[in-house]
């Protein structure tokens, strides 16, 4: 929600509410991480809303630094691990799990690279029009490679999953990333997270559907058990 602090805070509140509803749909511990993705987005938007306020005030203080790095750590360090790990927890197919483990390793390596960059190089957030631009002096020679691996780690697991509805989530996230890359290239980190946050509704739908299937299966098993008595 990089368009304004009001948009960030409003979006954060709406997405967090969706996140609470999503977590309530969980009926297996393995679903908790996947269900918490909207809460992750909501917190991320609150962090960027706080950064908006600090940038508008013109003050360079500790709170501004904290808001900057909270947002970037979530976007660049946690997200590449969270997606493959959450899908891995959901998966039941051994063959698909092996692929997801490989993607998780890619995500871990990428997260380590971004963590190193955030710790070793300078990041300066600036307001540019209606967006926040995160200027940095990360090594340019690795920028495109890191971005490609970022897409692999965060998008591919959704297509590998045996849960067909996650494929739709993957398609929507891919399209949102393409739109962002074309029209908001200089603000990719911030704007793409805005589009991805909207997909929290799809996550709620996925887990709602999964819970319905679980309840139907449990009801069928109870009927069979009663018939056998």
C-alpha atoms as a PDB file:
ATOM      1  CA  UNK A   1       0.000   0.000   0.000  1.00  0.00           C
ATOM      2  CA  UNK A   2       2.708   2.427  -0.954  1.00  0.00           C
ATOM      3  CA  UNK A   3       0.375   5.116  -2.314  1.00  0.00           C
ATOM      4  CA  UNK A   4      -0.086   6.987   0.992  1.00  0.00           C
ATOM      5  CA  UNK A   5       0.073   6.430   4.761  1.00  0.00           C
ATOM      6  CA  UNK A   6      -3.726   6.394   4.881  1.00  0.00           C
ATOM      7  CA  UNK A   7      -3.810   3.634   2.273  1.00  0.00           C
ATOM      8  CA  UNK A   8      -1.152   1.682   4.162  1.00  0.00           C
ATOM      9  CA  UNK A   9      -2.933   1.838   7.517  1.00  0.00           C
ATOM     10  CA  UNK A  10      -6.381   1.199   6.042  1.00  0.00           C
ATOM     11  CA  UNK A  11      -5.072  -1.670   3.965  1.00  0.00           C
ATOM     12  CA  UNK A  12      -3.183  -3.058   6.942  1.00  0.00           C
ATOM     13  CA  UNK A  13      -6.356  -3.053   9.050  1.00  0.00           C
ATOM     14  CA  UNK A  14      -8.463  -4.712   6.327  1.00  0.00           C
ATOM     15  CA  UNK A  15      -5.841  -7.335   5.509  1.00  0.00           C
ATOM     16  CA  UNK A  16      -5.232  -8.088   9.190  1.00  0.00           C
ATOM     17  CA  UNK A  17      -8.972  -8.681   9.615  1.00  0.00           C
ATOM     18  CA  UNK A  18      -8.874 -11.070   6.672  1.00  0.00           C
ATOM     19  CA  UNK A  19      -5.876 -12.696   8.336  1.00  0.00           C
ATOM     20  CA  UNK A  20      -7.791 -13.313  11.551  1.00  0.00           C
ATOM     21  CA  UNK A  21     -10.652 -14.889   9.566  1.00  0.00           C
ATOM     22  CA  UNK A  22      -8.154 -17.013   7.647  1.00  0.00           C
ATOM     23  CA  UNK A  23      -6.457 -18.330  10.781  1.00  0.00           C
ATOM     24  CA  UNK A  24      -9.875 -19.322  12.133  1.00  0.00           C
ATOM     25  CA  UNK A  25     -10.273 -21.625   9.129  1.00  0.00           C
ATOM     26  CA  UNK A  26      -7.247 -23.670  10.168  1.00  0.00           C
ATOM     27  CA  UNK A  27      -8.016 -27.229  11.251  1.00  0.00           C
ATOM     28  CA  UNK A  28      -4.495 -28.661  10.999  1.00  0.00           C
ATOM     29  CA  UNK A  29      -1.243 -27.297  12.503  1.00  0.00           C
ATOM     30  CA  UNK A  30       0.375 -27.663   9.056  1.00  0.00           C
ATOM     31  CA  UNK A  31      -1.937 -24.918   7.733  1.00  0.00           C
ATOM     32  CA  UNK A  32      -1.012 -22.264  10.291  1.00  0.00           C
ATOM     33  CA  UNK A  33       1.942 -20.747   8.402  1.00  0.00           C
ATOM     34  CA  UNK A  34       0.009 -20.537   5.123  1.00  0.00           C
ATOM     35  CA  UNK A  35      -2.991 -19.048   6.932  1.00  0.00           C
ATOM     36  CA  UNK A  36      -0.817 -16.419   8.586  1.00  0.00           C
ATOM     37  CA  UNK A  37       0.281 -14.892   5.255  1.00  0.00           C
ATOM     38  CA  UNK A  38      -2.475 -12.202   5.329  1.00  0.00           C
ATOM     39  CA  UNK A  39      -1.421 -11.264   8.884  1.00  0.00           C
ATOM     40  CA  UNK A  40       2.136 -10.999   7.568  1.00  0.00           C
ATOM     41  CA  UNK A  41       0.973  -8.606   4.839  1.00  0.00           C
ATOM     42  CA  UNK A  42      -1.093  -6.594   7.293  1.00  0.00           C
ATOM     43  CA  UNK A  43       1.852  -6.043   9.624  1.00  0.00           C
ATOM     44  CA  UNK A  44       4.027  -5.173   6.636  1.00  0.00           C
ATOM     45  CA  UNK A  45       1.609  -2.471   5.551  1.00  0.00           C
ATOM     46  CA  UNK A  46       1.501  -0.980   9.057  1.00  0.00           C
ATOM     47  CA  UNK A  47       5.305  -0.807   8.957  1.00  0.00           C
ATOM     48  CA  UNK A  48       5.267   1.049   5.648  1.00  0.00           C
ATOM     49  CA  UNK A  49       2.479   3.357   6.850  1.00  0.00           C
ATOM     50  CA  UNK A  50       4.707   4.336   9.772  1.00  0.00           C
ATOM     51  CA  UNK A  51       7.560   4.924   7.350  1.00  0.00           C
ATOM     52  CA  UNK A  52       5.348   7.216   5.263  1.00  0.00           C
ATOM     53  CA  UNK A  53       4.700   9.373   8.319  1.00  0.00           C
ATOM     54  CA  UNK A  54       8.402   9.542   9.186  1.00  0.00           C
ATOM     55  CA  UNK A  55       9.360  10.493   5.627  1.00  0.00           C
ATOM     56  CA  UNK A  56       6.715  13.209   5.483  1.00  0.00           C
ATOM     57  CA  UNK A  57       7.969  14.691   8.735  1.00  0.00           C
ATOM     58  CA  UNK A  58      11.451  14.947   7.265  1.00  0.00           C
ATOM     59  CA  UNK A  59      13.043  13.596  10.437  1.00  0.00           C
ATOM     60  CA  UNK A  60      15.788  10.992  10.296  1.00  0.00           C
ATOM     61  CA  UNK A  61      15.424   9.036  13.502  1.00  0.00           C
ATOM     62  CA  UNK A  62      15.575   5.518  14.911  1.00  0.00           C
ATOM     63  CA  UNK A  63      11.868   4.877  14.328  1.00  0.00           C
ATOM     64  CA  UNK A  64      12.270   5.681  10.635  1.00  0.00           C
ATOM     65  CA  UNK A  65      15.178   3.228  10.401  1.00  0.00           C
ATOM     66  CA  UNK A  66      13.218   0.547  12.225  1.00  0.00           C
ATOM     67  CA  UNK A  67      10.182   0.991   9.927  1.00  0.00           C
ATOM     68  CA  UNK A  68      12.412   0.793   6.853  1.00  0.00           C
ATOM     69  CA  UNK A  69      14.185  -2.376   7.872  1.00  0.00           C
ATOM     70  CA  UNK A  70      11.089  -4.101   9.250  1.00  0.00           C
ATOM     71  CA  UNK A  71       9.422  -3.677   5.874  1.00  0.00           C
ATOM     72  CA  UNK A  72      12.471  -4.765   3.862  1.00  0.00           C
ATOM     73  CA  UNK A  73      13.290  -7.723   6.107  1.00  0.00           C
ATOM     74  CA  UNK A  74       9.733  -8.967   5.712  1.00  0.00           C
ATOM     75  CA  UNK A  75       9.730  -8.420   1.934  1.00  0.00           C
ATOM     76  CA  UNK A  76      13.228  -9.648   1.093  1.00  0.00           C
ATOM     77  CA  UNK A  77      14.331 -11.949   3.910  1.00  0.00           C
ATOM     78  CA  UNK A  78      11.210 -13.606   5.345  1.00  0.00           C
ATOM     79  CA  UNK A  79       8.953 -13.820   2.283  1.00  0.00           C
ATOM     80  CA  UNK A  80      11.277 -15.997   0.086  1.00  0.00           C
ATOM     81  CA  UNK A  81      11.370 -18.566   2.911  1.00  0.00           C
ATOM     82  CA  UNK A  82       7.792 -18.218   4.135  1.00  0.00           C
ATOM     83  CA  UNK A  83       6.128 -19.121   0.832  1.00  0.00           C
ATOM     84  CA  UNK A  84       7.965 -22.389   0.030  1.00  0.00           C
ATOM     85  CA  UNK A  85       7.925 -23.429   3.692  1.00  0.00           C
ATOM     86  CA  UNK A  86       4.178 -22.797   4.105  1.00  0.00           C
ATOM     87  CA  UNK A  87       3.376 -24.740   0.920  1.00  0.00           C
ATOM     88  CA  UNK A  88       5.753 -27.530   2.016  1.00  0.00           C
ATOM     89  CA  UNK A  89       3.837 -27.887   5.288  1.00  0.00           C
ATOM     90  CA  UNK A  90       0.570 -28.207   3.344  1.00  0.00           C
ATOM     91  CA  UNK A  91       1.887 -30.771   0.881  1.00  0.00           C
ATOM     92  CA  UNK A  92       1.266 -34.511   1.297  1.00  0.00           C
ATOM     93  CA  UNK A  93       2.899 -35.839  -1.873  1.00  0.00           C
ATOM     94  CA  UNK A  94       6.460 -37.049  -1.221  1.00  0.00           C
ATOM     95  CA  UNK A  95       7.587 -36.255  -4.768  1.00  0.00           C
ATOM     96  CA  UNK A  96       6.269 -32.709  -4.585  1.00  0.00           C
ATOM     97  CA  UNK A  97       7.755 -32.283  -1.123  1.00  0.00           C
ATOM     98  CA  UNK A  98      11.217 -32.983  -2.519  1.00  0.00           C
ATOM     99  CA  UNK A  99      10.757 -30.248  -5.123  1.00  0.00           C
ATOM    100  CA  UNK A 100       9.497 -27.852  -2.465  1.00  0.00           C
ATOM    101  CA  UNK A 101      12.508 -28.598  -0.259  1.00  0.00           C
ATOM    102  CA  UNK A 102      14.721 -27.593  -3.191  1.00  0.00           C
ATOM    103  CA  UNK A 103      12.771 -24.348  -3.622  1.00  0.00           C
ATOM    104  CA  UNK A 104      13.004 -23.728   0.117  1.00  0.00           C
ATOM    105  CA  UNK A 105      16.790 -24.035  -0.107  1.00  0.00           C
ATOM    106  CA  UNK A 106      16.765 -21.466  -2.931  1.00  0.00           C
ATOM    107  CA  UNK A 107      14.683 -19.176  -0.723  1.00  0.00           C
ATOM    108  CA  UNK A 108      17.007 -19.617   2.250  1.00  0.00           C
ATOM    109  CA  UNK A 109      20.077 -18.780   0.147  1.00  0.00           C
ATOM    110  CA  UNK A 110      18.335 -15.735  -1.314  1.00  0.00           C
ATOM    111  CA  UNK A 111      17.215 -14.588   2.142  1.00  0.00           C
ATOM    112  CA  UNK A 112      20.793 -14.908   3.345  1.00  0.00           C
ATOM    113  CA  UNK A 113      21.984 -12.764   0.439  1.00  0.00           C
ATOM    114  CA  UNK A 114      19.421 -10.032   1.115  1.00  0.00           C
ATOM    115  CA  UNK A 115      20.129 -10.166   4.850  1.00  0.00           C
ATOM    116  CA  UNK A 116      23.823  -9.638   4.085  1.00  0.00           C
ATOM    117  CA  UNK A 117      23.013  -6.709   1.771  1.00  0.00           C
ATOM    118  CA  UNK A 118      20.718  -5.065   4.317  1.00  0.00           C
ATOM    119  CA  UNK A 119      23.413  -5.394   6.976  1.00  0.00           C
ATOM    120  CA  UNK A 120      26.312  -4.309   4.757  1.00  0.00           C
ATOM    121  CA  UNK A 121      24.934  -1.622   2.445  1.00  0.00           C
ATOM    122  CA  UNK A 122      22.930   1.569   2.753  1.00  0.00           C
ATOM    123  CA  UNK A 123      19.183   1.771   2.151  1.00  0.00           C
ATOM    124  CA  UNK A 124      17.502   5.166   1.861  1.00  0.00           C
ATOM    125  CA  UNK A 125      13.703   5.331   1.506  1.00  0.00           C
ATOM    126  CA  UNK A 126      12.367   8.399  -0.301  1.00  0.00           C
ATOM    127  CA  UNK A 127       8.915   9.549  -1.358  1.00  0.00           C
ATOM    128  CA  UNK A 128       8.735   9.776  -5.134  1.00  0.00           C
ATOM    129  CA  UNK A 129       5.300  10.940  -6.249  1.00  0.00           C
ATOM    130  CA  UNK A 130       2.740   8.609  -4.672  1.00  0.00           C
ATOM    131  CA  UNK A 131       5.219   5.833  -3.963  1.00  0.00           C
ATOM    132  CA  UNK A 132       8.101   4.978  -1.681  1.00  0.00           C
ATOM    133  CA  UNK A 133      11.346   4.193  -3.447  1.00  0.00           C
ATOM    134  CA  UNK A 134      13.946   2.191  -1.534  1.00  0.00           C
ATOM    135  CA  UNK A 135      17.268   3.462  -2.852  1.00  0.00           C
ATOM    136  CA  UNK A 136      20.211   1.198  -2.099  1.00  0.00           C
ATOM    137  CA  UNK A 137      23.763   0.508  -3.164  1.00  0.00           C
ATOM    138  CA  UNK A 138      23.426  -3.288  -3.349  1.00  0.00           C
ATOM    139  CA  UNK A 139      25.777  -4.911  -5.920  1.00  0.00           C
ATOM    140  CA  UNK A 140      24.273  -4.240  -9.367  1.00  0.00           C
ATOM    141  CA  UNK A 141      25.912  -7.335 -10.839  1.00  0.00           C
ATOM    142  CA  UNK A 142      23.696  -9.595  -8.707  1.00  0.00           C
ATOM    143  CA  UNK A 143      20.471  -7.550  -8.864  1.00  0.00           C
ATOM    144  CA  UNK A 144      18.800  -9.342 -11.785  1.00  0.00           C
ATOM    145  CA  UNK A 145      19.964 -12.787 -10.670  1.00  0.00           C
ATOM    146  CA  UNK A 146      18.615 -12.175  -7.172  1.00  0.00           C
ATOM    147  CA  UNK A 147      15.311 -10.972  -8.602  1.00  0.00           C
ATOM    148  CA  UNK A 148      14.945 -14.088 -10.772  1.00  0.00           C
ATOM    149  CA  UNK A 149      15.633 -16.362  -7.807  1.00  0.00           C
ATOM    150  CA  UNK A 150      13.172 -14.298  -5.774  1.00  0.00           C
ATOM    151  CA  UNK A 151      10.439 -15.074  -8.285  1.00  0.00           C
ATOM    152  CA  UNK A 152      11.425 -18.748  -8.357  1.00  0.00           C
ATOM    153  CA  UNK A 153      11.319 -19.039  -4.567  1.00  0.00           C
ATOM    154  CA  UNK A 154       8.036 -17.158  -4.093  1.00  0.00           C
ATOM    155  CA  UNK A 155       5.964 -18.142  -7.135  1.00  0.00           C
ATOM    156  CA  UNK A 156       7.013 -21.654  -8.184  1.00  0.00           C
ATOM    157  CA  UNK A 157       5.918 -23.396  -4.940  1.00  0.00           C
ATOM    158  CA  UNK A 158       2.318 -22.328  -5.589  1.00  0.00           C
ATOM    159  CA  UNK A 159       2.361 -24.199  -8.916  1.00  0.00           C
ATOM    160  CA  UNK A 160       4.156 -27.245  -7.488  1.00  0.00           C
ATOM    161  CA  UNK A 161       1.534 -27.738  -4.761  1.00  0.00           C
ATOM    162  CA  UNK A 162      -0.988 -30.548  -5.263  1.00  0.00           C
ATOM    163  CA  UNK A 163      -3.674 -28.159  -3.997  1.00  0.00           C
ATOM    164  CA  UNK A 164      -5.043 -26.934  -7.327  1.00  0.00           C
ATOM    165  CA  UNK A 165      -6.425 -23.716  -5.901  1.00  0.00           C
ATOM    166  CA  UNK A 166      -2.931 -22.535  -5.002  1.00  0.00           C
ATOM    167  CA  UNK A 167      -2.241 -22.547  -8.754  1.00  0.00           C
ATOM    168  CA  UNK A 168      -4.784 -19.733  -9.104  1.00  0.00           C
ATOM    169  CA  UNK A 169      -3.006 -17.895  -6.326  1.00  0.00           C
ATOM    170  CA  UNK A 170       0.267 -18.373  -8.213  1.00  0.00           C
ATOM    171  CA  UNK A 171      -1.264 -17.037 -11.436  1.00  0.00           C
ATOM    172  CA  UNK A 172      -2.641 -13.951  -9.691  1.00  0.00           C
ATOM    173  CA  UNK A 173       0.656 -13.243  -7.963  1.00  0.00           C
ATOM    174  CA  UNK A 174       2.565 -13.693 -11.218  1.00  0.00           C
ATOM    175  CA  UNK A 175       0.240 -11.307 -13.061  1.00  0.00           C
ATOM    176  CA  UNK A 176       0.482  -8.750 -10.270  1.00  0.00           C
ATOM    177  CA  UNK A 177       4.264  -8.969 -10.376  1.00  0.00           C
ATOM    178  CA  UNK A 178       4.304  -8.515 -14.161  1.00  0.00           C
ATOM    179  CA  UNK A 179       2.011  -5.471 -13.951  1.00  0.00           C
ATOM    180  CA  UNK A 180       4.186  -3.989 -11.229  1.00  0.00           C
ATOM    181  CA  UNK A 181       7.415  -4.639 -13.133  1.00  0.00           C
ATOM    182  CA  UNK A 182       6.009  -2.972 -16.266  1.00  0.00           C
ATOM    183  CA  UNK A 183       4.339   0.088 -14.752  1.00  0.00           C
ATOM    184  CA  UNK A 184       6.117   0.577 -11.422  1.00  0.00           C
ATOM    185  CA  UNK A 185       9.646  -0.704 -12.093  1.00  0.00           C
ATOM    186  CA  UNK A 186      11.369   1.734  -9.742  1.00  0.00           C
ATOM    187  CA  UNK A 187       9.032   0.852  -6.874  1.00  0.00           C
ATOM    188  CA  UNK A 188       8.882  -2.928  -7.309  1.00  0.00           C
ATOM    189  CA  UNK A 189       9.533  -3.880  -3.666  1.00  0.00           C
ATOM    190  CA  UNK A 190       6.767  -1.685  -2.322  1.00  0.00           C
ATOM    191  CA  UNK A 191       4.083  -1.811  -5.034  1.00  0.00           C
ATOM    192  CA  UNK A 192       4.281  -5.547  -5.671  1.00  0.00           C
ATOM    193  CA  UNK A 193       3.618  -6.156  -1.997  1.00  0.00           C
ATOM    194  CA  UNK A 194       0.475  -4.046  -2.400  1.00  0.00           C
ATOM    195  CA  UNK A 195      -0.854  -6.309  -5.140  1.00  0.00           C
ATOM    196  CA  UNK A 196       0.221  -9.442  -3.295  1.00  0.00           C
ATOM    197  CA  UNK A 197      -1.618  -8.220  -0.191  1.00  0.00           C
ATOM    198  CA  UNK A 198      -4.879  -8.128  -2.154  1.00  0.00           C
ATOM    199  CA  UNK A 199      -4.452 -11.825  -2.845  1.00  0.00           C
ATOM    200  CA  UNK A 200      -4.940 -12.475   0.876  1.00  0.00           C
ATOM    201  CA  UNK A 201      -8.629 -12.834   0.005  1.00  0.00           C
ATOM    202  CA  UNK A 202      -7.734 -15.793  -2.219  1.00  0.00           C
ATOM    203  CA  UNK A 203      -5.859 -17.414   0.660  1.00  0.00           C
ATOM    204  CA  UNK A 204      -8.975 -17.063   2.810  1.00  0.00           C
ATOM    205  CA  UNK A 205     -11.016 -18.670   0.035  1.00  0.00           C
ATOM    206  CA  UNK A 206      -8.547 -21.554  -0.315  1.00  0.00           C
ATOM    207  CA  UNK A 207      -8.564 -22.418   3.377  1.00  0.00           C
ATOM    208  CA  UNK A 208     -12.341 -21.969   3.607  1.00  0.00           C
ATOM    209  CA  UNK A 209     -12.751 -24.492   0.799  1.00  0.00           C
ATOM    210  CA  UNK A 210     -10.229 -26.878   2.347  1.00  0.00           C
ATOM    211  CA  UNK A 211     -12.070 -26.739   5.658  1.00  0.00           C
ATOM    212  CA  UNK A 212     -15.384 -27.480   3.928  1.00  0.00           C
ATOM    213  CA  UNK A 213     -13.842 -30.539   2.269  1.00  0.00           C
ATOM    214  CA  UNK A 214     -12.417 -31.635   5.618  1.00  0.00           C
ATOM    215  CA  UNK A 215     -15.812 -31.304   7.313  1.00  0.00           C
ATOM    216  CA  UNK A 216     -17.513 -33.251   4.518  1.00  0.00           C
ATOM    217  CA  UNK A 217     -14.942 -36.028   4.779  1.00  0.00           C
ATOM    218  CA  UNK A 218     -15.339 -36.170   8.545  1.00  0.00           C
ATOM    219  CA  UNK A 219     -19.131 -36.276   8.201  1.00  0.00           C
ATOM    220  CA  UNK A 220     -18.866 -39.122   5.685  1.00  0.00           C
ATOM    221  CA  UNK A 221     -16.584 -41.062   8.018  1.00  0.00           C
ATOM    222  CA  UNK A 222     -19.033 -40.586  10.921  1.00  0.00           C
ATOM    223  CA  UNK A 223     -21.875 -41.939   8.762  1.00  0.00           C
ATOM    224  CA  UNK A 224     -19.818 -44.963   7.811  1.00  0.00           C
ATOM    225  CA  UNK A 225     -18.878 -45.532  11.447  1.00  0.00           C
ATOM    226  CA  UNK A 226     -22.548 -45.395  12.507  1.00  0.00           C
ATOM    227  CA  UNK A 227     -23.525 -47.804   9.745  1.00  0.00           C
ATOM    228  CA  UNK A 228     -20.890 -50.286  10.895  1.00  0.00           C
ATOM    229  CA  UNK A 229     -22.085 -50.215  14.479  1.00  0.00           C
END
